[in-house]
Amino acid sequence: MRFKVVLVVQLCAAAGLLTLIIFSPGQWNVQRWAGLLVGVPAVVLLFVARFQLGRSFAVRAEAHELVTHGIYSRIRNPIYVFSAFLVLALALTLQRPLILVFLLVLIPVQLMRARKEAAVLEAKFGEEYRRYRQQTWF
């Protein structure tokens, strides 16, 4: 039950950001269209990645199971990747370059979290995780 509630809350947050991208006031220029073209796939792929992660989702680095299917068969940390694209889309759509400062802070934080998660997964899954890591990006 908790899994479904958290997933619904995250879906609502993603839908809210998508609504902000599409319906925020302002002129529809090249920058805003670019934000839409980046933002829509980012929201969709972010939600797909979150759904595919399933019960393995955790705020702190934990190793429930090694998820290697779907988007995770190509990208080890798709939630980090697509959330960064979503922040970029917001900066473009809202035409607020200051949001890019948040992105500059977000990326190093995500890199640190990814390293910590990798260490936890490698400690639990060992060679299986190392093989998976060699076959995927970030």
N, C-alpha and C. Protein backbone atom coordinates (compact mmCIF):
# COMPACT_ATOMS: atom_id res chain seq x y z
N MET A 1 0.83 -1.20 0.00
CA MET A 1 0.00 0.00 0.00
C MET A 1 0.87 1.25 0.00
N ARG A 2 1.90 1.28 0.86
CA ARG A 2 2.78 2.45 0.94
C ARG A 2 3.43 2.72 -0.41
N PHE A 3 3.83 1.65 -1.12
CA PHE A 3 4.44 1.78 -2.44
C PHE A 3 3.51 2.51 -3.39
N LYS A 4 2.24 2.15 -3.40
CA LYS A 4 1.27 2.76 -4.31
C LYS A 4 1.04 4.23 -3.96
N VAL A 5 0.97 4.53 -2.68
CA VAL A 5 0.75 5.92 -2.25
C VAL A 5 1.92 6.79 -2.68
N VAL A 6 3.14 6.32 -2.42
CA VAL A 6 4.33 7.09 -2.80
C VAL A 6 4.39 7.27 -4.31
N LEU A 7 4.07 6.22 -5.05
CA LEU A 7 4.09 6.30 -6.51
C LEU A 7 3.05 7.30 -7.02
N VAL A 8 1.87 7.31 -6.44
CA VAL A 8 0.82 8.26 -6.84
C VAL A 8 1.25 9.69 -6.52
N VAL A 9 1.83 9.90 -5.36
CA VAL A 9 2.31 11.24 -4.99
C VAL A 9 3.38 11.71 -5.98
N GLN A 10 4.30 10.82 -6.32
CA GLN A 10 5.35 11.18 -7.28
C GLN A 10 4.76 11.44 -8.67
N LEU A 11 3.78 10.66 -9.08
CA LEU A 11 3.11 10.90 -10.36
C LEU A 11 2.42 12.25 -10.36
N CYS A 12 1.77 12.60 -9.27
CA CYS A 12 1.10 13.91 -9.17
C CYS A 12 2.12 15.05 -9.24
N ALA A 13 3.25 14.87 -8.59
CA ALA A 13 4.30 15.90 -8.65
C ALA A 13 4.81 16.05 -10.08
N ALA A 14 5.04 14.94 -10.76
CA ALA A 14 5.50 14.99 -12.15
C ALA A 14 4.44 15.64 -13.03
N ALA A 15 3.18 15.29 -12.83
CA ALA A 15 2.10 15.90 -13.61
C ALA A 15 2.02 17.40 -13.34
N GLY A 16 2.24 17.79 -12.08
CA GLY A 16 2.24 19.22 -11.75
C GLY A 16 3.36 19.97 -12.46
N LEU A 17 4.54 19.38 -12.51
CA LEU A 17 5.65 20.02 -13.22
C LEU A 17 5.36 20.09 -14.72
N LEU A 18 4.78 19.03 -15.26
CA LEU A 18 4.43 19.05 -16.68
C LEU A 18 3.38 20.12 -16.96
N THR A 19 2.42 20.26 -16.06
CA THR A 19 1.40 21.31 -16.21
C THR A 19 2.06 22.68 -16.16
N LEU A 20 3.00 22.87 -15.25
CA LEU A 20 3.73 24.14 -15.16
C LEU A 20 4.48 24.42 -16.46
N ILE A 21 5.11 23.40 -17.01
CA ILE A 21 5.85 23.57 -18.27
C ILE A 21 4.91 23.99 -19.39
N ILE A 22 3.77 23.36 -19.48
CA ILE A 22 2.86 23.61 -20.60
C ILE A 22 2.05 24.90 -20.41
N PHE A 23 1.54 25.13 -19.22
CA PHE A 23 0.57 26.21 -19.03
C PHE A 23 1.10 27.46 -18.34
N SER A 24 2.40 27.52 -18.07
CA SER A 24 2.91 28.74 -17.44
C SER A 24 2.75 29.91 -18.39
N PRO A 25 2.44 31.08 -17.84
CA PRO A 25 2.25 32.24 -18.71
C PRO A 25 3.56 32.63 -19.38
N GLY A 26 3.44 33.22 -20.51
CA GLY A 26 4.61 33.69 -21.23
C GLY A 26 4.52 33.39 -22.71
N GLN A 27 5.44 33.93 -23.40
CA GLN A 27 5.48 33.83 -24.86
C GLN A 27 6.00 32.46 -25.29
N TRP A 28 5.39 31.91 -26.33
CA TRP A 28 5.85 30.63 -26.89
C TRP A 28 6.90 30.92 -27.94
N ASN A 29 8.15 30.99 -27.49
CA ASN A 29 9.27 31.23 -28.39
C ASN A 29 10.10 29.95 -28.51
N VAL A 30 11.23 30.03 -29.19
CA VAL A 30 12.08 28.85 -29.39
C VAL A 30 12.52 28.25 -28.06
N GLN A 31 12.88 29.10 -27.12
CA GLN A 31 13.35 28.63 -25.82
C GLN A 31 12.26 27.84 -25.11
N ARG A 32 11.05 28.34 -25.15
CA ARG A 32 9.95 27.65 -24.46
C ARG A 32 9.61 26.33 -25.15
N TRP A 33 9.62 26.31 -26.47
CA TRP A 33 9.38 25.07 -27.20
C TRP A 33 10.47 24.05 -26.89
N ALA A 34 11.71 24.51 -26.80
CA ALA A 34 12.81 23.61 -26.45
C ALA A 34 12.58 23.02 -25.05
N GLY A 35 12.13 23.85 -24.13
CA GLY A 35 11.82 23.37 -22.79
C GLY A 35 10.73 22.32 -22.81
N LEU A 36 9.72 22.53 -23.63
CA LEU A 36 8.65 21.55 -23.76
C LEU A 36 9.17 20.25 -24.36
N LEU A 37 10.00 20.37 -25.39
CA LEU A 37 10.55 19.18 -26.05
C LEU A 37 11.48 18.38 -25.14
N VAL A 38 12.12 19.04 -24.20
CA VAL A 38 12.96 18.35 -23.22
C VAL A 38 12.11 17.88 -22.04
N GLY A 39 11.17 18.69 -21.62
CA GLY A 39 10.41 18.42 -20.41
C GLY A 39 9.42 17.27 -20.50
N VAL A 40 8.70 17.17 -21.60
CA VAL A 40 7.70 16.11 -21.71
C VAL A 40 8.36 14.73 -21.66
N PRO A 41 9.37 14.47 -22.50
CA PRO A 41 10.01 13.15 -22.38
C PRO A 41 10.68 12.94 -21.01
N ALA A 42 11.22 14.00 -20.43
CA ALA A 42 11.87 13.88 -19.12
C ALA A 42 10.87 13.42 -18.06
N VAL A 43 9.68 14.02 -18.05
CA VAL A 43 8.66 13.65 -17.07
C VAL A 43 8.20 12.21 -17.31
N VAL A 44 7.95 11.87 -18.56
CA VAL A 44 7.48 10.52 -18.87
C VAL A 44 8.54 9.48 -18.49
N LEU A 45 9.78 9.71 -18.90
CA LEU A 45 10.84 8.75 -18.61
C LEU A 45 11.18 8.70 -17.12
N LEU A 46 11.07 9.83 -16.45
CA LEU A 46 11.27 9.86 -15.00
C LEU A 46 10.24 8.98 -14.30
N PHE A 47 8.99 9.10 -14.72
CA PHE A 47 7.96 8.27 -14.10
C PHE A 47 8.14 6.80 -14.46
N VAL A 48 8.48 6.51 -15.70
CA VAL A 48 8.70 5.11 -16.11
C VAL A 48 9.85 4.51 -15.29
N ALA A 49 10.94 5.26 -15.15
CA ALA A 49 12.08 4.78 -14.36
C ALA A 49 11.67 4.53 -12.92
N ARG A 50 10.91 5.43 -12.35
CA ARG A 50 10.45 5.28 -10.97
C ARG A 50 9.56 4.05 -10.83
N PHE A 51 8.67 3.85 -11.80
CA PHE A 51 7.77 2.70 -11.77
C PHE A 51 8.57 1.40 -11.90
N GLN A 52 9.55 1.38 -12.81
CA GLN A 52 10.36 0.19 -13.01
C GLN A 52 11.23 -0.12 -11.79
N LEU A 53 11.61 0.88 -11.06
CA LEU A 53 12.39 0.67 -9.85
C LEU A 53 11.56 -0.03 -8.78
N GLY A 54 10.27 0.21 -8.80
CA GLY A 54 9.34 -0.48 -7.90
C GLY A 54 9.67 -0.29 -6.43
N ARG A 55 9.62 -1.38 -5.69
CA ARG A 55 9.84 -1.33 -4.25
C ARG A 55 11.30 -1.12 -3.88
N SER A 56 12.17 -1.10 -4.87
CA SER A 56 13.59 -0.85 -4.60
C SER A 56 13.88 0.63 -4.39
N PHE A 57 12.89 1.49 -4.64
CA PHE A 57 13.06 2.92 -4.43
C PHE A 57 13.28 3.20 -2.95
N ALA A 58 14.29 4.01 -2.65
CA ALA A 58 14.55 4.42 -1.27
C ALA A 58 15.23 5.78 -1.30
N VAL A 59 14.97 6.57 -0.31
CA VAL A 59 15.61 7.89 -0.22
C VAL A 59 17.09 7.72 0.11
N ARG A 60 17.38 6.83 1.05
CA ARG A 60 18.77 6.52 1.39
C ARG A 60 19.23 5.32 0.59
N ALA A 61 20.52 5.23 0.36
CA ALA A 61 21.07 4.12 -0.42
C ALA A 61 20.82 2.79 0.29
N GLU A 62 20.03 1.93 -0.35
CA GLU A 62 19.73 0.61 0.17
C GLU A 62 19.82 -0.37 -1.00
N ALA A 63 20.02 -1.63 -0.70
CA ALA A 63 20.14 -2.65 -1.74
C ALA A 63 19.09 -3.74 -1.52
N HIS A 64 17.90 -3.51 -2.05
CA HIS A 64 16.84 -4.51 -1.94
C HIS A 64 17.02 -5.58 -3.02
N GLU A 65 17.11 -5.13 -4.24
CA GLU A 65 17.35 -6.01 -5.38
C GLU A 65 18.06 -5.20 -6.45
N LEU A 66 18.71 -5.89 -7.37
CA LEU A 66 19.41 -5.22 -8.45
C LEU A 66 18.44 -5.11 -9.63
N VAL A 67 17.98 -3.90 -9.90
CA VAL A 67 17.02 -3.66 -10.98
C VAL A 67 17.81 -3.44 -12.27
N THR A 68 17.62 -4.32 -13.24
CA THR A 68 18.39 -4.26 -14.49
C THR A 68 17.51 -4.33 -15.72
N HIS A 69 16.21 -4.17 -15.57
CA HIS A 69 15.30 -4.26 -16.72
C HIS A 69 14.83 -2.87 -17.14
N GLY A 70 14.22 -2.81 -18.31
CA GLY A 70 13.67 -1.56 -18.81
C GLY A 70 14.75 -0.50 -19.00
N ILE A 71 14.46 0.70 -18.57
CA ILE A 71 15.41 1.81 -18.68
C ILE A 71 16.70 1.48 -17.94
N TYR A 72 16.58 0.73 -16.86
CA TYR A 72 17.76 0.37 -16.05
C TYR A 72 18.71 -0.57 -16.78
N SER A 73 18.29 -1.13 -17.90
CA SER A 73 19.19 -1.97 -18.68
C SER A 73 20.19 -1.12 -19.46
N ARG A 74 19.94 0.17 -19.56
CA ARG A 74 20.82 1.09 -20.29
C ARG A 74 21.46 2.15 -19.40
N ILE A 75 20.69 2.62 -18.40
CA ILE A 75 21.14 3.71 -17.53
C ILE A 75 20.99 3.25 -16.08
N ARG A 76 22.07 3.32 -15.30
CA ARG A 76 22.01 2.88 -13.90
C ARG A 76 21.19 3.82 -13.01
N ASN A 77 21.21 5.09 -13.32
CA ASN A 77 20.55 6.10 -12.48
C ASN A 77 19.62 6.99 -13.31
N PRO A 78 18.61 6.40 -13.96
CA PRO A 78 17.76 7.21 -14.84
C PRO A 78 16.96 8.28 -14.11
N ILE A 79 16.64 8.05 -12.85
CA ILE A 79 15.88 9.07 -12.11
C ILE A 79 16.72 10.34 -11.98
N TYR A 80 18.01 10.19 -11.73
CA TYR A 80 18.89 11.36 -11.64
C TYR A 80 19.03 12.04 -12.99
N VAL A 81 19.20 11.26 -14.03
CA VAL A 81 19.38 11.82 -15.37
C VAL A 81 18.15 12.60 -15.80
N PHE A 82 16.97 11.98 -15.68
CA PHE A 82 15.76 12.63 -16.17
C PHE A 82 15.30 13.76 -15.28
N SER A 83 15.63 13.72 -13.99
CA SER A 83 15.29 14.86 -13.13
C SER A 83 16.17 16.06 -13.49
N ALA A 84 17.41 15.82 -13.87
CA ALA A 84 18.27 16.93 -14.32
C ALA A 84 17.71 17.54 -15.61
N PHE A 85 17.26 16.68 -16.52
CA PHE A 85 16.64 17.20 -17.75
C PHE A 85 15.36 17.97 -17.44
N LEU A 86 14.63 17.54 -16.43
CA LEU A 86 13.41 18.25 -16.05
C LEU A 86 13.73 19.64 -15.51
N VAL A 87 14.77 19.76 -14.72
CA VAL A 87 15.18 21.08 -14.22
C VAL A 87 15.61 21.96 -15.39
N LEU A 88 16.35 21.41 -16.34
CA LEU A 88 16.73 22.16 -17.54
C LEU A 88 15.48 22.61 -18.29
N ALA A 89 14.51 21.74 -18.43
CA ALA A 89 13.27 22.09 -19.12
C ALA A 89 12.54 23.22 -18.40
N LEU A 90 12.52 23.18 -17.08
CA LEU A 90 11.88 24.26 -16.33
C LEU A 90 12.60 25.59 -16.57
N ALA A 91 13.92 25.56 -16.56
CA ALA A 91 14.69 26.79 -16.81
C ALA A 91 14.37 27.35 -18.19
N LEU A 92 14.28 26.48 -19.18
CA LEU A 92 13.98 26.93 -20.54
C LEU A 92 12.55 27.43 -20.66
N THR A 93 11.61 26.64 -20.15
CA THR A 93 10.20 26.98 -20.28
C THR A 93 9.83 28.24 -19.54
N LEU A 94 10.29 28.34 -18.30
CA LEU A 94 9.97 29.52 -17.51
C LEU A 94 10.86 30.70 -17.86
N GLN A 95 11.88 30.43 -18.68
CA GLN A 95 12.82 31.45 -19.15
C GLN A 95 13.45 32.19 -17.96
N ARG A 96 13.90 31.36 -17.01
CA ARG A 96 14.56 31.85 -15.81
C ARG A 96 15.93 31.19 -15.71
N PRO A 97 16.97 31.86 -16.22
CA PRO A 97 18.31 31.27 -16.19
C PRO A 97 18.81 30.96 -14.78
N LEU A 98 18.25 31.63 -13.78
CA LEU A 98 18.66 31.38 -12.39
C LEU A 98 18.38 29.94 -11.97
N ILE A 99 17.40 29.31 -12.59
CA ILE A 99 17.09 27.91 -12.28
C ILE A 99 18.28 27.02 -12.65
N LEU A 100 19.08 27.45 -13.61
CA LEU A 100 20.26 26.68 -14.00
C LEU A 100 21.27 26.57 -12.86
N VAL A 101 21.26 27.55 -11.94
CA VAL A 101 22.13 27.49 -10.77
C VAL A 101 21.73 26.26 -9.93
N PHE A 102 20.44 26.03 -9.81
CA PHE A 102 19.97 24.84 -9.09
C PHE A 102 20.49 23.58 -9.77
N LEU A 103 20.49 23.58 -11.09
CA LEU A 103 21.01 22.43 -11.84
C LEU A 103 22.50 22.23 -11.57
N LEU A 104 23.23 23.31 -11.47
CA LEU A 104 24.67 23.22 -11.18
C LEU A 104 24.94 22.67 -9.78
N VAL A 105 24.00 22.84 -8.88
CA VAL A 105 24.12 22.27 -7.54
C VAL A 105 23.62 20.81 -7.55
N LEU A 106 22.55 20.58 -8.29
CA LEU A 106 21.92 19.27 -8.34
C LEU A 106 22.84 18.19 -8.92
N ILE A 107 23.55 18.50 -9.97
CA ILE A 107 24.37 17.49 -10.64
C ILE A 107 25.46 16.93 -9.72
N PRO A 108 26.26 17.75 -9.04
CA PRO A 108 27.25 17.15 -8.12
C PRO A 108 26.62 16.34 -6.99
N VAL A 109 25.47 16.80 -6.49
CA VAL A 109 24.78 16.06 -5.44
C VAL A 109 24.35 14.69 -5.96
N GLN A 110 23.82 14.67 -7.17
CA GLN A 110 23.40 13.40 -7.76
C GLN A 110 24.59 12.49 -8.03
N LEU A 111 25.70 13.05 -8.44
CA LEU A 111 26.90 12.24 -8.66
C LEU A 111 27.37 11.60 -7.35
N MET A 112 27.34 12.36 -6.27
CA MET A 112 27.73 11.82 -4.96
C MET A 112 26.77 10.71 -4.52
N ARG A 113 25.49 10.94 -4.71
CA ARG A 113 24.50 9.92 -4.34
C ARG A 113 24.66 8.67 -5.18
N ALA A 114 24.93 8.84 -6.47
CA ALA A 114 25.12 7.69 -7.36
C ALA A 114 26.33 6.87 -6.91
N ARG A 115 27.40 7.53 -6.52
CA ARG A 115 28.59 6.82 -6.04
C ARG A 115 28.29 6.04 -4.76
N LYS A 116 27.55 6.66 -3.86
CA LYS A 116 27.20 6.00 -2.61
C LYS A 116 26.30 4.78 -2.89
N GLU A 117 25.32 4.96 -3.75
CA GLU A 117 24.44 3.85 -4.11
C GLU A 117 25.23 2.72 -4.77
N ALA A 118 26.18 3.09 -5.65
CA ALA A 118 27.01 2.08 -6.32
C ALA A 118 27.79 1.27 -5.30
N ALA A 119 28.32 1.93 -4.30
CA ALA A 119 29.08 1.22 -3.27
C ALA A 119 28.20 0.25 -2.50
N VAL A 120 26.99 0.67 -2.17
CA VAL A 120 26.05 -0.19 -1.45
C VAL A 120 25.67 -1.39 -2.32
N LEU A 121 25.36 -1.14 -3.59
CA LEU A 121 24.98 -2.23 -4.49
C LEU A 121 26.13 -3.19 -4.75
N GLU A 122 27.33 -2.65 -4.89
CA GLU A 122 28.49 -3.51 -5.12
C GLU A 122 28.77 -4.37 -3.88
N ALA A 123 28.59 -3.79 -2.71
CA ALA A 123 28.81 -4.56 -1.48
C ALA A 123 27.83 -5.73 -1.37
N LYS A 124 26.61 -5.53 -1.82
CA LYS A 124 25.61 -6.59 -1.69
C LYS A 124 25.64 -7.57 -2.86
N PHE A 125 25.80 -7.05 -4.09
CA PHE A 125 25.67 -7.91 -5.27
C PHE A 125 26.99 -8.27 -5.94
N GLY A 126 28.08 -7.66 -5.51
CA GLY A 126 29.41 -8.01 -5.96
C GLY A 126 29.60 -8.05 -7.47
N GLU A 127 30.04 -9.19 -7.96
CA GLU A 127 30.37 -9.34 -9.38
C GLU A 127 29.17 -9.09 -10.29
N GLU A 128 27.99 -9.47 -9.85
CA GLU A 128 26.78 -9.23 -10.66
C GLU A 128 26.61 -7.73 -10.92
N TYR A 129 26.82 -6.91 -9.88
CA TYR A 129 26.70 -5.46 -10.04
C TYR A 129 27.83 -4.92 -10.91
N ARG A 130 29.04 -5.42 -10.72
CA ARG A 130 30.16 -4.94 -11.55
C ARG A 130 29.92 -5.23 -13.03
N ARG A 131 29.37 -6.39 -13.37
CA ARG A 131 29.04 -6.71 -14.78
C ARG A 131 27.95 -5.76 -15.29
N TYR A 132 26.94 -5.56 -14.47
CA TYR A 132 25.86 -4.64 -14.84
C TYR A 132 26.40 -3.23 -15.08
N ARG A 133 27.28 -2.80 -14.21
CA ARG A 133 27.86 -1.47 -14.32
C ARG A 133 28.65 -1.29 -15.61
N GLN A 134 29.34 -2.34 -16.05
CA GLN A 134 30.11 -2.26 -17.30
C GLN A 134 29.22 -2.16 -18.53
N GLN A 135 27.99 -2.63 -18.42
CA GLN A 135 27.06 -2.67 -19.56
C GLN A 135 26.14 -1.45 -19.62
N THR A 136 26.24 -0.54 -18.66
CA THR A 136 25.32 0.58 -18.60
C THR A 136 26.07 1.91 -18.48
N TRP A 137 25.33 2.98 -18.71
CA TRP A 137 25.87 4.34 -18.60
C TRP A 137 25.36 4.94 -17.29
N PHE A 138 26.16 5.76 -16.66
CA PHE A 138 25.87 6.48 -15.42
C PHE A 138 24.92 5.69 -14.54
